[in-house]
C-alpha atoms as a PDB file:
ATOM      1  CA  MET A   1       0.000   0.000   0.000  1.00  0.00           C
ATOM      2  CA  LYS A   2       1.143   3.516  -0.690  1.00  0.00           C
ATOM      3  CA  PRO A   3       1.945   5.452   2.476  1.00  0.00           C
ATOM      4  CA  ARG A   4      -0.262   8.340   3.682  1.00  0.00           C
ATOM      5  CA  ILE A   5      -3.229   7.674   1.332  1.00  0.00           C
ATOM      6  CA  HIS A   6      -5.072   4.975   3.301  1.00  0.00           C
ATOM      7  CA  PRO A   7      -6.809   5.484   6.652  1.00  0.00           C
ATOM      8  CA  ASP A   8      -5.235   3.860   9.681  1.00  0.00           C
ATOM      9  CA  SER A   9      -6.552   0.389  10.457  1.00  0.00           C
ATOM     10  CA  ARG A  10      -6.865  -0.541  14.144  1.00  0.00           C
ATOM     11  CA  LEU A  11      -8.511  -3.134  16.357  1.00  0.00           C
ATOM     12  CA  VAL A  12     -12.119  -2.131  17.124  1.00  0.00           C
ATOM     13  CA  VAL A  13     -14.943  -3.861  19.023  1.00  0.00           C
ATOM     14  CA  PHE A  14     -18.329  -3.937  17.279  1.00  0.00           C
ATOM     15  CA  ARG A  15     -21.198  -4.642  19.699  1.00  0.00           C
ATOM     16  CA  ASP A  16     -24.585  -5.861  18.483  1.00  0.00           C
ATOM     17  CA  ARG A  17     -27.070  -4.559  21.038  1.00  0.00           C
ATOM     18  CA  ALA A  18     -29.927  -6.771  19.790  1.00  0.00           C
ATOM     19  CA  ALA A  19     -28.034 -10.052  20.229  1.00  0.00           C
ATOM     20  CA  ASP A  20     -25.784  -8.956  23.110  1.00  0.00           C
ATOM     21  CA  ALA A  21     -22.743 -10.051  21.111  1.00  0.00           C
ATOM     22  CA  ALA A  22     -19.414  -8.339  20.496  1.00  0.00           C
ATOM     23  CA  PHE A  23     -16.732  -8.855  17.862  1.00  0.00           C
ATOM     24  CA  LEU A  24     -13.112  -7.724  17.877  1.00  0.00           C
ATOM     25  CA  THR A  25     -11.879  -6.985  14.377  1.00  0.00           C
ATOM     26  CA  ARG A  26      -9.739  -4.582  12.399  1.00  0.00           C
ATOM     27  CA  SER A  27     -11.431  -1.468  11.052  1.00  0.00           C
ATOM     28  CA  THR A  28     -10.767   2.104  10.023  1.00  0.00           C
ATOM     29  CA  ALA A  29     -13.813   3.267  12.013  1.00  0.00           C
ATOM     30  CA  ASP A  30     -13.170   5.267  15.176  1.00  0.00           C
ATOM     31  CA  SER A  31     -15.255   5.976  18.239  1.00  0.00           C
ATOM     32  CA  ALA A  32     -15.036   8.047  21.408  1.00  0.00           C
ATOM     33  CA  LYS A  33     -16.502   5.124  23.404  1.00  0.00           C
ATOM     34  CA  THR A  34     -14.142   2.420  24.637  1.00  0.00           C
ATOM     35  CA  ILE A  35     -14.506  -1.023  26.149  1.00  0.00           C
ATOM     36  CA  GLU A  36     -12.164  -3.340  28.004  1.00  0.00           C
ATOM     37  CA  TRP A  37     -11.945  -6.578  26.019  1.00  0.00           C
ATOM     38  CA  GLU A  38     -11.404 -10.130  27.302  1.00  0.00           C
ATOM     39  CA  ASP A  39      -7.635  -9.822  26.797  1.00  0.00           C
ATOM     40  CA  GLY A  40      -7.465  -6.880  29.230  1.00  0.00           C
ATOM     41  CA  ASN A  41      -6.799  -4.241  26.553  1.00  0.00           C
ATOM     42  CA  THR A  42      -9.057  -1.251  25.892  1.00  0.00           C
ATOM     43  CA  TYR A  43     -10.412  -0.804  22.356  1.00  0.00           C
ATOM     44  CA  PRO A  44     -12.747   1.671  20.637  1.00  0.00           C
ATOM     45  CA  LEU A  45     -16.394   0.518  20.799  1.00  0.00           C
ATOM     46  CA  ILE A  46     -18.921   0.871  17.981  1.00  0.00           C
ATOM     47  CA  ASP A  47     -22.546  -0.108  18.654  1.00  0.00           C
ATOM     48  CA  VAL A  48     -24.411  -1.552  15.672  1.00  0.00           C
ATOM     49  CA  GLU A  49     -28.125  -2.219  15.180  1.00  0.00           C
ATOM     50  CA  ILE A  50     -27.756  -5.597  13.512  1.00  0.00           C
ATOM     51  CA  SER A  51     -24.985  -8.071  12.743  1.00  0.00           C
ATOM     52  CA  SER A  52     -24.628 -11.711  11.787  1.00  0.00           C
ATOM     53  CA  ALA A  53     -25.486 -12.593  15.403  1.00  0.00           C
ATOM     54  CA  SER A  54     -28.981 -11.094  15.149  1.00  0.00           C
ATOM     55  CA  HIS A  55     -29.854 -10.974  11.437  1.00  0.00           C
ATOM     56  CA  PRO A  56     -32.593 -13.524  10.574  1.00  0.00           C
ATOM     57  CA  PHE A  57     -30.748 -14.713   7.449  1.00  0.00           C
ATOM     58  CA  TYR A  58     -27.724 -15.830   9.479  1.00  0.00           C
ATOM     59  CA  THR A  59     -29.588 -17.073  12.550  1.00  0.00           C
ATOM     60  CA  GLY A  60     -32.105 -19.187  10.621  1.00  0.00           C
ATOM     61  CA  ARG A  61     -35.084 -17.486  12.246  1.00  0.00           C
ATOM     62  CA  SER A  62     -36.344 -15.909   9.044  1.00  0.00           C
ATOM     63  CA  ARG A  63     -40.026 -16.101   8.202  1.00  0.00           C
ATOM     64  CA  VAL A  64     -41.226 -17.175   4.813  1.00  0.00           C
ATOM     65  CA  LEU A  65     -44.199 -15.092   3.750  1.00  0.00           C
ATOM     66  CA  ASP A  66     -46.968 -16.897   1.935  1.00  0.00           C
ATOM     67  CA  THR A  67     -47.740 -14.249  -0.666  1.00  0.00           C
ATOM     68  CA  ALA A  68     -50.372 -16.324  -2.448  1.00  0.00           C
ATOM     69  CA  GLY A  69     -52.220 -16.858   0.812  1.00  0.00           C
ATOM     70  CA  ARG A  70     -52.077 -13.162   1.596  1.00  0.00           C
ATOM     71  CA  VAL A  71     -53.539 -12.257  -1.804  1.00  0.00           C
ATOM     72  CA  GLU A  72     -56.368 -14.746  -1.328  1.00  0.00           C
ATOM     73  CA  LEU A  73     -57.036 -13.401   2.162  1.00  0.00           C
ATOM     74  CA  PHE A  74     -57.154  -9.847   0.779  1.00  0.00           C
ATOM     75  CA  GLU A  75     -59.584 -10.882  -1.980  1.00  0.00           C
ATOM     76  CA  ARG A  76     -61.818 -12.704   0.504  1.00  0.00           C
ATOM     77  CA  ARG A  77     -61.831  -9.771   2.879  1.00  0.00           C
ATOM     78  CA  TYR A  78     -62.330  -6.954   0.373  1.00  0.00           C
ATOM     79  CA  GLY A  79     -63.693  -8.773  -2.664  1.00  0.00           C
ATOM     80  CA  ARG A  80     -62.351  -8.763  -6.160  1.00  0.00           C
ATOM     81  CA  THR A  81     -62.791  -5.305  -7.685  1.00  0.00           C
ATOM     82  CA  ALA A  82     -61.474  -5.929 -11.186  1.00  0.00           C
ATOM     83  CA  THR A  83     -63.470  -8.073 -13.595  1.00  0.00           C
ATOM     84  CA  ARG A  84     -61.934 -10.125 -16.354  1.00  0.00           C
ATOM     85  CA  HIS A  85     -63.299 -10.035 -19.886  1.00  0.00           C
END
């Protein structure tokens, strides 16, 4: 890498508040908040809304929507308004 054109990379802790999980990784992100990690060192802390620990795709808790059933339910509830020729 060319010197002085890339941001500094450092160890940072990302904490997923929804899943109560934290990850130590390298990042160029910076934060005023800090946290003491399991190794006894203090690292910048960045809180995130969602990560692989809480995202339904990665956790396997995703819901499959039955779109055909929802359309039929809508038509039963409100009736079919368009007529076919």
